[in-house]
N, C-alpha and C. Protein backbone atom coordinates (compact mmCIF):
# COMPACT_ATOMS: atom_id res chain seq x y z
N UNK A 1 1.63 -8.97 -26.18
CA UNK A 1 0.71 -9.40 -25.14
C UNK A 1 0.78 -8.49 -23.91
N UNK A 2 2.01 -8.21 -23.46
CA UNK A 2 2.20 -7.36 -22.29
C UNK A 2 1.61 -5.97 -22.53
N UNK A 3 1.90 -5.43 -23.72
CA UNK A 3 1.40 -4.09 -24.04
C UNK A 3 -0.13 -4.08 -24.16
N UNK A 4 -0.69 -5.17 -24.66
CA UNK A 4 -2.15 -5.27 -24.79
C UNK A 4 -2.81 -5.24 -23.41
N UNK A 5 -2.26 -6.01 -22.47
CA UNK A 5 -2.80 -6.04 -21.10
C UNK A 5 -2.64 -4.67 -20.45
N UNK A 6 -1.48 -4.02 -20.67
CA UNK A 6 -1.25 -2.68 -20.11
C UNK A 6 -2.29 -1.69 -20.63
N UNK A 7 -2.61 -1.78 -21.89
CA UNK A 7 -3.61 -0.87 -22.47
C UNK A 7 -5.00 -1.10 -21.86
N UNK A 8 -5.31 -2.36 -21.57
CA UNK A 8 -6.60 -2.68 -20.94
C UNK A 8 -6.66 -2.08 -19.54
N UNK A 9 -5.58 -2.25 -18.78
CA UNK A 9 -5.53 -1.75 -17.40
C UNK A 9 -5.59 -0.23 -17.37
N UNK A 10 -4.93 0.40 -18.33
CA UNK A 10 -4.87 1.86 -18.34
C UNK A 10 -6.09 2.52 -19.01
N UNK A 11 -6.99 1.70 -19.50
CA UNK A 11 -8.24 2.23 -20.02
C UNK A 11 -9.10 2.69 -18.85
N UNK A 12 -9.63 3.93 -18.89
CA UNK A 12 -10.43 4.44 -17.76
C UNK A 12 -11.57 3.52 -17.34
N UNK A 13 -12.13 2.78 -18.28
CA UNK A 13 -13.25 1.89 -17.95
C UNK A 13 -12.82 0.73 -17.04
N UNK A 14 -11.52 0.43 -17.01
CA UNK A 14 -11.03 -0.66 -16.15
C UNK A 14 -11.27 -0.34 -14.68
N UNK A 15 -11.29 0.95 -14.34
CA UNK A 15 -11.53 1.37 -12.96
C UNK A 15 -12.89 0.87 -12.47
N UNK A 16 -13.85 0.77 -13.37
CA UNK A 16 -15.18 0.28 -12.99
C UNK A 16 -15.09 -1.14 -12.44
N UNK A 17 -14.29 -1.98 -13.09
CA UNK A 17 -14.12 -3.36 -12.63
C UNK A 17 -13.43 -3.41 -11.28
N UNK A 18 -12.46 -2.52 -11.08
CA UNK A 18 -11.77 -2.45 -9.79
C UNK A 18 -12.76 -2.06 -8.69
N UNK A 19 -13.59 -1.06 -8.97
CA UNK A 19 -14.58 -0.61 -7.99
C UNK A 19 -15.55 -1.75 -7.65
N UNK A 20 -15.97 -2.50 -8.66
CA UNK A 20 -16.89 -3.62 -8.42
C UNK A 20 -16.24 -4.65 -7.50
N UNK A 21 -14.96 -4.96 -7.73
CA UNK A 21 -14.25 -5.92 -6.89
C UNK A 21 -14.24 -5.46 -5.43
N UNK A 22 -13.96 -4.18 -5.21
CA UNK A 22 -13.90 -3.67 -3.84
C UNK A 22 -15.30 -3.56 -3.22
N UNK A 23 -16.31 -3.31 -4.03
CA UNK A 23 -17.68 -3.30 -3.51
C UNK A 23 -18.09 -4.70 -3.05
N UNK A 24 -17.70 -5.70 -3.82
CA UNK A 24 -17.96 -7.08 -3.41
C UNK A 24 -17.22 -7.39 -2.11
N UNK A 25 -15.98 -6.93 -2.02
CA UNK A 25 -15.20 -7.13 -0.80
C UNK A 25 -15.83 -6.42 0.38
N UNK A 26 -16.37 -5.24 0.13
CA UNK A 26 -17.04 -4.46 1.18
C UNK A 26 -18.24 -5.25 1.72
N UNK A 27 -18.99 -5.85 0.80
CA UNK A 27 -20.14 -6.67 1.20
C UNK A 27 -19.68 -7.91 1.98
N UNK A 28 -18.66 -8.59 1.45
CA UNK A 28 -18.20 -9.83 2.05
C UNK A 28 -17.61 -9.65 3.44
N UNK A 29 -16.82 -8.61 3.63
CA UNK A 29 -16.18 -8.37 4.92
C UNK A 29 -17.11 -7.65 5.91
N UNK A 30 -18.12 -6.99 5.37
CA UNK A 30 -19.01 -6.22 6.23
C UNK A 30 -20.22 -6.99 6.70
N UNK A 31 -20.39 -8.23 6.22
CA UNK A 31 -21.51 -9.07 6.64
C UNK A 31 -20.96 -10.39 7.18
N UNK A 32 -21.83 -11.20 7.74
CA UNK A 32 -21.40 -12.50 8.29
C UNK A 32 -21.66 -13.66 7.33
N UNK A 33 -22.10 -13.33 6.12
CA UNK A 33 -22.49 -14.38 5.18
C UNK A 33 -21.28 -15.23 4.76
N UNK A 34 -20.23 -14.57 4.25
CA UNK A 34 -19.02 -15.29 3.82
C UNK A 34 -17.77 -14.58 4.34
N UNK A 35 -17.88 -14.05 5.53
CA UNK A 35 -16.81 -13.23 6.08
C UNK A 35 -15.47 -13.95 6.14
N UNK A 36 -15.48 -15.19 6.63
CA UNK A 36 -14.22 -15.94 6.77
C UNK A 36 -13.55 -16.17 5.42
N UNK A 37 -14.36 -16.41 4.40
CA UNK A 37 -13.81 -16.62 3.05
C UNK A 37 -13.13 -15.35 2.56
N UNK A 38 -13.80 -14.21 2.75
CA UNK A 38 -13.24 -12.94 2.28
C UNK A 38 -12.00 -12.54 3.08
N UNK A 39 -11.97 -12.88 4.36
CA UNK A 39 -10.77 -12.61 5.15
C UNK A 39 -9.59 -13.42 4.62
N UNK A 40 -9.87 -14.67 4.23
CA UNK A 40 -8.80 -15.55 3.76
C UNK A 40 -8.19 -15.09 2.43
N UNK A 41 -8.95 -14.28 1.65
CA UNK A 41 -8.41 -13.85 0.35
C UNK A 41 -7.83 -12.42 0.41
N UNK A 42 -7.73 -11.84 1.60
CA UNK A 42 -7.13 -10.51 1.74
C UNK A 42 -5.73 -10.46 1.13
N UNK A 43 -4.84 -11.42 1.45
CA UNK A 43 -3.49 -11.34 0.85
C UNK A 43 -3.49 -11.43 -0.67
N UNK A 44 -4.43 -12.18 -1.24
CA UNK A 44 -4.50 -12.29 -2.70
C UNK A 44 -4.97 -10.98 -3.32
N UNK A 45 -5.85 -10.28 -2.62
CA UNK A 45 -6.30 -8.98 -3.09
C UNK A 45 -5.14 -7.98 -3.09
N UNK A 46 -4.33 -8.01 -2.03
CA UNK A 46 -3.16 -7.13 -1.94
C UNK A 46 -2.19 -7.43 -3.08
N UNK A 47 -1.94 -8.72 -3.30
CA UNK A 47 -1.02 -9.13 -4.37
C UNK A 47 -1.56 -8.71 -5.74
N UNK A 48 -2.86 -8.89 -5.96
CA UNK A 48 -3.47 -8.52 -7.24
C UNK A 48 -3.37 -7.02 -7.48
N UNK A 49 -3.60 -6.22 -6.44
CA UNK A 49 -3.51 -4.76 -6.57
C UNK A 49 -2.10 -4.35 -6.99
N UNK A 50 -1.09 -5.03 -6.43
CA UNK A 50 0.29 -4.72 -6.79
C UNK A 50 0.61 -5.13 -8.22
N UNK A 51 0.10 -6.28 -8.64
CA UNK A 51 0.32 -6.74 -10.02
C UNK A 51 -0.28 -5.75 -11.01
N UNK A 52 -1.51 -5.30 -10.72
CA UNK A 52 -2.18 -4.32 -11.58
C UNK A 52 -1.37 -3.03 -11.63
N UNK A 53 -0.86 -2.61 -10.48
CA UNK A 53 -0.07 -1.37 -10.42
C UNK A 53 1.19 -1.48 -11.27
N UNK A 54 1.93 -2.57 -11.11
CA UNK A 54 3.17 -2.75 -11.86
C UNK A 54 2.90 -2.86 -13.36
N UNK A 55 1.83 -3.55 -13.71
CA UNK A 55 1.51 -3.75 -15.12
C UNK A 55 1.08 -2.45 -15.78
N UNK A 56 0.53 -1.55 -14.97
CA UNK A 56 0.09 -0.25 -15.49
C UNK A 56 1.27 0.67 -15.81
N UNK A 57 2.41 0.43 -15.17
CA UNK A 57 3.56 1.34 -15.26
C UNK A 57 4.09 1.48 -16.69
N UNK A 58 4.35 2.73 -17.08
CA UNK A 58 4.88 3.03 -18.41
C UNK A 58 6.33 3.52 -18.29
N UNK A 59 7.11 3.26 -19.32
CA UNK A 59 8.50 3.71 -19.43
C UNK A 59 9.41 3.06 -18.38
N UNK A 60 9.07 1.86 -17.97
CA UNK A 60 9.90 1.18 -16.97
C UNK A 60 11.24 0.75 -17.58
N UNK A 61 12.23 0.67 -16.73
CA UNK A 61 13.55 0.20 -17.13
C UNK A 61 14.21 -0.50 -15.95
N UNK A 62 15.46 -0.86 -16.09
CA UNK A 62 16.17 -1.59 -15.04
C UNK A 62 16.22 -0.78 -13.75
N UNK A 63 16.41 0.54 -13.87
CA UNK A 63 16.48 1.39 -12.69
C UNK A 63 15.18 1.35 -11.89
N UNK A 64 14.06 1.30 -12.61
CA UNK A 64 12.76 1.21 -11.94
C UNK A 64 12.66 -0.07 -11.11
N UNK A 65 13.02 -1.20 -11.70
CA UNK A 65 12.90 -2.47 -10.99
C UNK A 65 13.90 -2.59 -9.86
N UNK A 66 15.06 -1.99 -10.01
CA UNK A 66 16.03 -1.96 -8.91
C UNK A 66 15.45 -1.16 -7.74
N UNK A 67 14.81 -0.03 -8.05
CA UNK A 67 14.17 0.79 -7.02
C UNK A 67 13.07 0.02 -6.31
N UNK A 68 12.26 -0.69 -7.09
CA UNK A 68 11.16 -1.48 -6.52
C UNK A 68 11.69 -2.55 -5.58
N UNK A 69 12.70 -3.29 -6.02
CA UNK A 69 13.27 -4.36 -5.20
C UNK A 69 13.92 -3.77 -3.95
N UNK A 70 14.62 -2.65 -4.10
CA UNK A 70 15.28 -2.01 -2.95
C UNK A 70 14.25 -1.61 -1.89
N UNK A 71 13.17 -0.97 -2.31
CA UNK A 71 12.14 -0.52 -1.36
C UNK A 71 11.46 -1.72 -0.71
N UNK A 72 11.18 -2.76 -1.50
CA UNK A 72 10.51 -3.95 -0.95
C UNK A 72 11.38 -4.61 0.11
N UNK A 73 12.66 -4.79 -0.18
CA UNK A 73 13.57 -5.46 0.77
C UNK A 73 13.82 -4.58 1.99
N UNK A 74 14.09 -3.30 1.75
CA UNK A 74 14.35 -2.39 2.86
C UNK A 74 13.11 -2.23 3.74
N UNK A 75 11.93 -2.11 3.09
CA UNK A 75 10.68 -2.02 3.85
C UNK A 75 10.44 -3.26 4.69
N UNK A 76 10.74 -4.43 4.13
CA UNK A 76 10.58 -5.68 4.86
C UNK A 76 11.47 -5.71 6.10
N UNK A 77 12.74 -5.36 5.92
CA UNK A 77 13.66 -5.41 7.07
C UNK A 77 13.40 -4.28 8.06
N UNK A 78 12.86 -3.19 7.59
CA UNK A 78 12.44 -2.12 8.49
C UNK A 78 11.34 -2.65 9.41
N UNK A 79 10.40 -3.38 8.84
CA UNK A 79 9.34 -3.99 9.64
C UNK A 79 9.90 -5.06 10.58
N UNK A 80 10.88 -5.80 10.10
CA UNK A 80 11.49 -6.83 10.94
C UNK A 80 12.11 -6.21 12.19
N UNK A 81 12.92 -5.16 12.00
CA UNK A 81 13.53 -4.51 13.15
C UNK A 81 12.48 -3.79 14.00
N UNK A 82 11.39 -3.36 13.35
CA UNK A 82 10.30 -2.76 14.10
C UNK A 82 9.65 -3.76 15.05
N UNK A 83 9.37 -4.96 14.53
CA UNK A 83 8.78 -6.02 15.35
C UNK A 83 9.77 -6.48 16.41
N UNK A 84 11.03 -6.61 16.03
CA UNK A 84 12.06 -7.13 16.93
C UNK A 84 12.33 -6.21 18.11
N UNK A 85 12.41 -4.91 17.84
CA UNK A 85 12.84 -3.96 18.88
C UNK A 85 11.70 -3.13 19.46
N UNK A 86 10.65 -2.89 18.68
CA UNK A 86 9.56 -2.02 19.14
C UNK A 86 9.94 -0.56 19.15
N UNK A 87 11.08 -0.22 18.58
CA UNK A 87 11.59 1.16 18.66
C UNK A 87 11.34 1.99 17.40
N UNK A 88 10.82 1.38 16.35
CA UNK A 88 10.60 2.13 15.11
C UNK A 88 9.15 2.59 15.01
N UNK A 89 8.22 1.64 15.07
CA UNK A 89 6.81 1.97 14.95
C UNK A 89 6.06 1.87 16.27
N UNK A 90 6.65 1.21 17.23
CA UNK A 90 5.98 0.88 18.48
C UNK A 90 6.02 -0.63 18.66
N UNK A 91 5.43 -1.12 19.73
CA UNK A 91 5.46 -2.56 20.03
C UNK A 91 4.26 -3.23 19.37
N UNK A 92 4.51 -4.12 18.42
CA UNK A 92 3.45 -4.79 17.68
C UNK A 92 3.93 -6.12 17.14
N UNK A 93 2.99 -6.94 16.71
CA UNK A 93 3.28 -8.20 16.04
C UNK A 93 2.29 -8.42 14.91
N UNK A 94 2.70 -9.17 13.90
CA UNK A 94 1.81 -9.50 12.80
C UNK A 94 1.02 -10.76 13.09
N UNK A 95 -0.24 -10.76 12.65
CA UNK A 95 -1.06 -11.97 12.73
C UNK A 95 -0.79 -12.86 11.54
N UNK A 96 -1.70 -13.79 11.27
CA UNK A 96 -1.51 -14.75 10.18
C UNK A 96 -2.33 -14.44 8.94
N UNK A 97 -3.06 -13.33 8.97
CA UNK A 97 -3.97 -13.00 7.87
C UNK A 97 -3.24 -12.69 6.57
N UNK A 98 -2.04 -12.11 6.65
CA UNK A 98 -1.33 -11.64 5.46
C UNK A 98 -0.48 -12.70 4.77
N UNK A 99 -0.65 -13.94 5.16
CA UNK A 99 0.04 -15.01 4.45
C UNK A 99 1.40 -15.36 5.02
N UNK A 100 2.20 -16.09 4.23
CA UNK A 100 3.50 -16.59 4.70
C UNK A 100 4.41 -15.50 5.22
N UNK A 101 5.23 -15.88 6.24
CA UNK A 101 6.12 -14.92 6.87
C UNK A 101 7.56 -15.41 6.83
N UNK A 102 8.45 -14.47 7.03
CA UNK A 102 9.86 -14.75 7.33
C UNK A 102 10.26 -13.77 8.41
N UNK A 103 10.94 -14.23 9.44
CA UNK A 103 11.37 -13.36 10.54
C UNK A 103 10.17 -12.66 11.19
N UNK A 104 9.04 -13.36 11.23
CA UNK A 104 7.80 -12.87 11.84
C UNK A 104 7.15 -11.71 11.07
N UNK A 105 7.56 -11.50 9.83
CA UNK A 105 6.99 -10.44 9.00
C UNK A 105 6.46 -11.06 7.70
N UNK A 106 5.22 -10.80 7.32
CA UNK A 106 4.68 -11.33 6.06
C UNK A 106 5.47 -10.80 4.86
N UNK A 107 5.71 -11.65 3.88
CA UNK A 107 6.41 -11.23 2.67
C UNK A 107 5.69 -10.07 1.99
N UNK A 108 4.36 -10.07 2.07
CA UNK A 108 3.57 -9.04 1.39
C UNK A 108 3.84 -7.63 1.90
N UNK A 109 4.35 -7.52 3.11
CA UNK A 109 4.56 -6.19 3.69
C UNK A 109 5.58 -5.40 2.89
N UNK A 110 6.66 -6.05 2.48
CA UNK A 110 7.66 -5.36 1.67
C UNK A 110 7.08 -4.88 0.36
N UNK A 111 6.26 -5.74 -0.27
CA UNK A 111 5.62 -5.37 -1.53
C UNK A 111 4.65 -4.21 -1.33
N UNK A 112 3.96 -4.21 -0.19
CA UNK A 112 2.99 -3.16 0.05
C UNK A 112 3.64 -1.81 0.31
N UNK A 113 4.87 -1.81 0.83
CA UNK A 113 5.62 -0.55 0.93
C UNK A 113 5.81 0.04 -0.47
N UNK A 114 6.13 -0.81 -1.42
CA UNK A 114 6.30 -0.35 -2.80
C UNK A 114 5.00 0.22 -3.34
N UNK A 115 3.90 -0.49 -3.10
CA UNK A 115 2.59 -0.04 -3.56
C UNK A 115 2.30 1.38 -3.07
N UNK A 116 2.51 1.63 -1.80
CA UNK A 116 2.18 2.94 -1.24
C UNK A 116 3.12 4.03 -1.73
N UNK A 117 4.39 3.69 -1.91
CA UNK A 117 5.34 4.68 -2.45
C UNK A 117 4.95 5.08 -3.86
N UNK A 118 4.67 4.09 -4.70
CA UNK A 118 4.31 4.39 -6.10
C UNK A 118 3.03 5.21 -6.19
N UNK A 119 2.04 4.84 -5.39
CA UNK A 119 0.77 5.60 -5.39
C UNK A 119 0.99 7.01 -4.84
N UNK A 120 1.76 7.10 -3.75
CA UNK A 120 2.02 8.42 -3.15
C UNK A 120 2.74 9.36 -4.09
N UNK A 121 3.74 8.84 -4.80
CA UNK A 121 4.50 9.67 -5.74
C UNK A 121 3.61 10.13 -6.90
N UNK A 122 2.76 9.24 -7.41
CA UNK A 122 1.87 9.64 -8.51
C UNK A 122 0.90 10.73 -8.05
N UNK A 123 0.42 10.64 -6.82
CA UNK A 123 -0.45 11.69 -6.28
C UNK A 123 0.34 12.98 -6.10
N UNK A 124 1.58 12.86 -5.66
CA UNK A 124 2.44 14.03 -5.49
C UNK A 124 2.71 14.73 -6.81
N UNK A 125 2.93 13.95 -7.87
CA UNK A 125 3.18 14.54 -9.19
C UNK A 125 1.95 15.27 -9.71
N UNK A 126 0.78 14.74 -9.36
CA UNK A 126 -0.46 15.38 -9.80
C UNK A 126 -0.67 16.71 -9.08
N UNK A 127 -0.37 16.75 -7.79
CA UNK A 127 -0.62 17.95 -6.99
C UNK A 127 0.49 18.98 -7.08
N UNK A 128 1.70 18.55 -7.42
CA UNK A 128 2.83 19.48 -7.46
C UNK A 128 3.68 19.26 -8.70
N UNK A 129 3.11 19.44 -9.89
CA UNK A 129 3.85 19.16 -11.13
C UNK A 129 5.02 20.10 -11.38
N UNK A 130 4.98 21.31 -10.81
CA UNK A 130 6.02 22.31 -11.07
C UNK A 130 7.02 22.46 -9.92
N UNK A 131 6.85 21.66 -8.88
CA UNK A 131 7.74 21.73 -7.73
C UNK A 131 8.17 20.31 -7.34
N UNK A 132 9.08 19.72 -8.12
CA UNK A 132 9.46 18.33 -7.90
C UNK A 132 10.03 18.03 -6.52
N UNK A 133 10.66 19.02 -5.90
CA UNK A 133 11.25 18.79 -4.57
C UNK A 133 10.16 18.46 -3.55
N UNK A 134 8.97 19.00 -3.77
CA UNK A 134 7.87 18.79 -2.82
C UNK A 134 7.21 17.42 -2.98
N UNK A 135 7.41 16.76 -4.11
CA UNK A 135 6.69 15.52 -4.41
C UNK A 135 6.93 14.42 -3.37
N UNK A 136 8.17 14.13 -2.97
CA UNK A 136 8.37 13.08 -1.95
C UNK A 136 7.69 13.39 -0.63
N UNK A 137 7.64 14.66 -0.25
CA UNK A 137 7.00 15.03 1.02
C UNK A 137 5.48 14.87 0.91
N UNK A 138 4.92 15.23 -0.24
CA UNK A 138 3.49 15.02 -0.46
C UNK A 138 3.19 13.53 -0.45
N UNK A 139 4.06 12.75 -1.07
CA UNK A 139 3.90 11.30 -1.08
C UNK A 139 3.92 10.76 0.34
N UNK A 140 4.86 11.25 1.17
CA UNK A 140 4.94 10.82 2.56
C UNK A 140 3.65 11.12 3.32
N UNK A 141 3.06 12.27 3.04
CA UNK A 141 1.79 12.65 3.69
C UNK A 141 0.66 11.72 3.26
N UNK A 142 0.62 11.37 1.97
CA UNK A 142 -0.42 10.45 1.50
C UNK A 142 -0.22 9.05 2.08
N UNK A 143 1.03 8.64 2.26
CA UNK A 143 1.29 7.35 2.88
C UNK A 143 0.85 7.35 4.33
N UNK A 144 1.09 8.48 5.01
CA UNK A 144 0.63 8.62 6.40
C UNK A 144 -0.90 8.55 6.46
N UNK A 145 -1.56 9.26 5.56
CA UNK A 145 -3.02 9.25 5.53
C UNK A 145 -3.55 7.84 5.27
N UNK A 146 -2.90 7.14 4.36
CA UNK A 146 -3.28 5.76 4.05
C UNK A 146 -3.22 4.90 5.31
N UNK A 147 -2.15 5.04 6.06
CA UNK A 147 -1.98 4.23 7.26
C UNK A 147 -3.02 4.57 8.31
N UNK A 148 -3.38 5.83 8.42
CA UNK A 148 -4.40 6.23 9.39
C UNK A 148 -5.72 5.51 9.11
N UNK A 149 -6.11 5.45 7.84
CA UNK A 149 -7.35 4.76 7.47
C UNK A 149 -7.20 3.24 7.54
N UNK A 150 -5.99 2.75 7.28
CA UNK A 150 -5.75 1.30 7.27
C UNK A 150 -5.77 0.70 8.67
N UNK A 151 -5.30 1.45 9.67
CA UNK A 151 -5.09 0.88 11.01
C UNK A 151 -6.33 0.20 11.58
N UNK A 152 -7.46 0.87 11.55
CA UNK A 152 -8.68 0.29 12.14
C UNK A 152 -9.07 -0.99 11.43
N UNK A 153 -8.96 -0.98 10.10
CA UNK A 153 -9.25 -2.17 9.29
C UNK A 153 -8.30 -3.31 9.66
N UNK A 154 -7.01 -3.00 9.71
CA UNK A 154 -5.99 -4.02 9.95
C UNK A 154 -6.12 -4.63 11.34
N UNK A 155 -6.35 -3.79 12.32
CA UNK A 155 -6.48 -4.28 13.70
C UNK A 155 -7.72 -5.15 13.84
N UNK A 156 -8.83 -4.70 13.26
CA UNK A 156 -10.09 -5.44 13.36
C UNK A 156 -9.98 -6.84 12.79
N UNK A 157 -9.27 -6.98 11.68
CA UNK A 157 -9.17 -8.28 11.01
C UNK A 157 -7.91 -9.05 11.40
N UNK A 158 -7.17 -8.57 12.38
CA UNK A 158 -6.04 -9.32 12.91
C UNK A 158 -4.81 -9.33 12.03
N UNK A 159 -4.67 -8.32 11.18
CA UNK A 159 -3.47 -8.25 10.34
C UNK A 159 -2.24 -7.99 11.20
N UNK A 160 -2.41 -7.15 12.22
CA UNK A 160 -1.37 -6.95 13.23
C UNK A 160 -2.01 -6.53 14.54
N UNK A 161 -1.21 -6.64 15.61
CA UNK A 161 -1.70 -6.36 16.96
C UNK A 161 -0.75 -5.36 17.63
N UNK A 162 -1.32 -4.30 18.21
CA UNK A 162 -0.53 -3.33 18.97
C UNK A 162 -0.58 -3.68 20.46
N UNK A 163 0.59 -3.65 21.11
CA UNK A 163 0.64 -3.90 22.55
C UNK A 163 0.75 -2.57 23.28
N UNK A 164 -0.20 -1.72 23.01
CA UNK A 164 -0.24 -0.40 23.64
C UNK A 164 -1.68 0.07 23.64
N UNK A 165 -1.94 1.16 24.29
CA UNK A 165 -3.28 1.71 24.35
C UNK A 165 -3.55 2.50 23.07
N UNK A 166 -4.00 1.78 22.04
CA UNK A 166 -4.21 2.41 20.74
C UNK A 166 -2.94 2.42 19.91
N UNK A 167 -3.03 3.00 18.73
CA UNK A 167 -1.88 3.10 17.82
C UNK A 167 -0.97 4.23 18.31
N UNK A 168 0.31 3.94 18.58
CA UNK A 168 1.20 4.99 19.08
C UNK A 168 1.51 6.06 18.03
N UNK A 169 1.67 7.29 18.48
CA UNK A 169 2.04 8.40 17.59
C UNK A 169 3.35 8.10 16.88
N UNK A 170 4.22 7.38 17.56
CA UNK A 170 5.51 6.97 17.00
C UNK A 170 5.33 6.26 15.66
N UNK A 171 4.28 5.46 15.54
CA UNK A 171 4.01 4.74 14.30
C UNK A 171 3.77 5.71 13.15
N UNK A 172 2.96 6.72 13.39
CA UNK A 172 2.62 7.67 12.33
C UNK A 172 3.82 8.54 11.94
N UNK A 173 4.61 8.91 12.93
CA UNK A 173 5.82 9.70 12.64
C UNK A 173 6.77 8.89 11.76
N UNK A 174 6.97 7.63 12.13
CA UNK A 174 7.88 6.76 11.37
C UNK A 174 7.35 6.52 9.95
N UNK A 175 6.03 6.37 9.82
CA UNK A 175 5.45 6.18 8.50
C UNK A 175 5.75 7.37 7.59
N UNK A 176 5.58 8.57 8.14
CA UNK A 176 5.84 9.75 7.33
C UNK A 176 7.32 9.87 6.98
N UNK A 177 8.19 9.66 7.95
CA UNK A 177 9.63 9.81 7.73
C UNK A 177 10.13 8.80 6.70
N UNK A 178 9.84 7.52 6.92
CA UNK A 178 10.34 6.50 6.00
C UNK A 178 9.59 6.54 4.66
N UNK A 179 8.31 6.90 4.69
CA UNK A 179 7.57 7.05 3.45
C UNK A 179 8.16 8.14 2.58
N UNK A 180 8.53 9.26 3.20
CA UNK A 180 9.15 10.36 2.46
C UNK A 180 10.52 9.96 1.93
N UNK A 181 11.29 9.26 2.77
CA UNK A 181 12.62 8.82 2.36
C UNK A 181 12.55 7.86 1.17
N UNK A 182 11.69 6.85 1.25
CA UNK A 182 11.53 5.91 0.15
C UNK A 182 11.04 6.62 -1.12
N UNK A 183 10.16 7.59 -0.93
CA UNK A 183 9.63 8.34 -2.08
C UNK A 183 10.73 9.16 -2.75
N UNK A 184 11.63 9.71 -1.96
CA UNK A 184 12.80 10.44 -2.52
C UNK A 184 13.64 9.50 -3.37
N UNK A 185 13.95 8.34 -2.81
CA UNK A 185 14.79 7.38 -3.52
C UNK A 185 14.13 6.95 -4.82
N UNK A 186 12.84 6.69 -4.76
CA UNK A 186 12.13 6.24 -5.96
C UNK A 186 11.96 7.35 -6.98
N UNK A 187 11.44 8.50 -6.55
CA UNK A 187 11.07 9.55 -7.50
C UNK A 187 12.28 10.12 -8.24
N UNK A 188 13.33 10.46 -7.53
CA UNK A 188 14.47 11.11 -8.17
C UNK A 188 15.29 10.17 -9.04
N UNK A 189 14.96 8.88 -9.00
CA UNK A 189 15.59 7.92 -9.91
C UNK A 189 14.66 7.45 -11.02
N UNK A 190 13.38 7.88 -10.94
CA UNK A 190 12.39 7.36 -11.90
C UNK A 190 11.38 8.43 -12.30
N UNK A 191 11.86 9.61 -12.61
CA UNK A 191 10.93 10.70 -12.95
C UNK A 191 10.13 10.41 -14.21
N UNK A 192 10.67 9.56 -15.09
CA UNK A 192 10.01 9.30 -16.36
C UNK A 192 8.87 8.29 -16.24
N UNK A 193 8.77 7.63 -15.11
CA UNK A 193 7.76 6.58 -14.93
C UNK A 193 6.38 7.19 -14.76
N UNK A 194 5.40 6.59 -15.46
CA UNK A 194 4.01 7.00 -15.30
C UNK A 194 3.18 5.76 -14.97
N UNK A 195 2.34 5.88 -13.94
CA UNK A 195 1.50 4.76 -13.53
C UNK A 195 0.07 5.28 -13.46
N UNK A 196 -0.65 5.27 -14.58
CA UNK A 196 -1.96 5.91 -14.68
C UNK A 196 -2.98 5.45 -13.64
N UNK A 197 -2.95 4.18 -13.26
CA UNK A 197 -3.99 3.66 -12.37
C UNK A 197 -3.70 3.90 -10.89
N UNK A 198 -2.49 4.37 -10.57
CA UNK A 198 -2.05 4.47 -9.19
C UNK A 198 -2.96 5.34 -8.33
N UNK A 199 -3.30 6.52 -8.83
CA UNK A 199 -4.11 7.45 -8.03
C UNK A 199 -5.50 6.86 -7.76
N UNK A 200 -6.08 6.22 -8.76
CA UNK A 200 -7.40 5.63 -8.58
C UNK A 200 -7.36 4.49 -7.56
N UNK A 201 -6.32 3.65 -7.63
CA UNK A 201 -6.19 2.54 -6.67
C UNK A 201 -6.07 3.06 -5.25
N UNK A 202 -5.29 4.11 -5.08
CA UNK A 202 -5.13 4.71 -3.75
C UNK A 202 -6.48 5.18 -3.21
N UNK A 203 -7.19 5.96 -4.00
CA UNK A 203 -8.47 6.53 -3.57
C UNK A 203 -9.48 5.43 -3.28
N UNK A 204 -9.56 4.41 -4.14
CA UNK A 204 -10.50 3.31 -3.95
C UNK A 204 -10.20 2.57 -2.65
N UNK A 205 -8.92 2.30 -2.38
CA UNK A 205 -8.57 1.56 -1.18
C UNK A 205 -8.86 2.37 0.08
N UNK A 206 -8.54 3.65 0.08
CA UNK A 206 -8.80 4.49 1.26
C UNK A 206 -10.31 4.56 1.52
N UNK A 207 -11.10 4.74 0.48
CA UNK A 207 -12.55 4.77 0.64
C UNK A 207 -13.08 3.42 1.13
N UNK A 208 -12.47 2.35 0.65
CA UNK A 208 -12.83 1.00 1.10
C UNK A 208 -12.61 0.85 2.60
N UNK A 209 -11.43 1.27 3.08
CA UNK A 209 -11.14 1.20 4.53
C UNK A 209 -12.11 2.06 5.32
N UNK A 210 -12.38 3.24 4.82
CA UNK A 210 -13.26 4.18 5.52
C UNK A 210 -14.69 3.64 5.61
N UNK A 211 -15.23 3.17 4.49
CA UNK A 211 -16.59 2.66 4.48
C UNK A 211 -16.73 1.39 5.32
N UNK A 212 -15.72 0.53 5.23
CA UNK A 212 -15.80 -0.73 5.99
C UNK A 212 -15.73 -0.48 7.49
N UNK A 213 -15.03 0.57 7.90
CA UNK A 213 -14.90 0.86 9.32
C UNK A 213 -16.25 1.17 9.97
N UNK A 214 -17.21 1.64 9.17
CA UNK A 214 -18.53 1.93 9.72
C UNK A 214 -19.31 0.66 10.05
N UNK A 215 -18.85 -0.47 9.53
CA UNK A 215 -19.56 -1.74 9.80
C UNK A 215 -19.04 -2.45 11.03
N UNK A 216 -17.90 -2.01 11.57
CA UNK A 216 -17.29 -2.70 12.72
C UNK A 216 -18.17 -2.52 13.96
């Protein structure tokens, strides 16, 4: 059963269904027809994207899941100390859009760190197949790019609030540094892992943020 679902997800035609889901989301969040409903399902969309990503993964083993749990927990506590001190990313707080929280940080944030690391590494492997040392740095750059496009979307819908004049440069520097570090930890322990849908999910989400920003 698991392998059957994995084959469905990794079939190129599955991307069409993913695109349709995000197009519907683009319509729902970009208009006033059912905007509140679509805002309320944002955390479920994030969770679903992560489930699809994990299910797509090939050659997984215990080391892979240990890496995933480590990044999720470390990413969560990184955000906790970020909110608590304001010294990592800048001074900010999370809203209530992303679902249940602990220590003022949504549980989904830790999972989303994993999502971005896995997508970033897969993009890095595609762009630098013969230079593995460069892959974590490329991944860090893609994670930084993701955050740049995400910020306007997140702020507009109240996912988090910055207590500064715009998004601080400190946030972007920290994203790249920790994104690269997490990518190093993940990649050099899981070189055999392949996640076929990761690159497509990354591109679809970035385009989604970009297109939706024009409706604000």
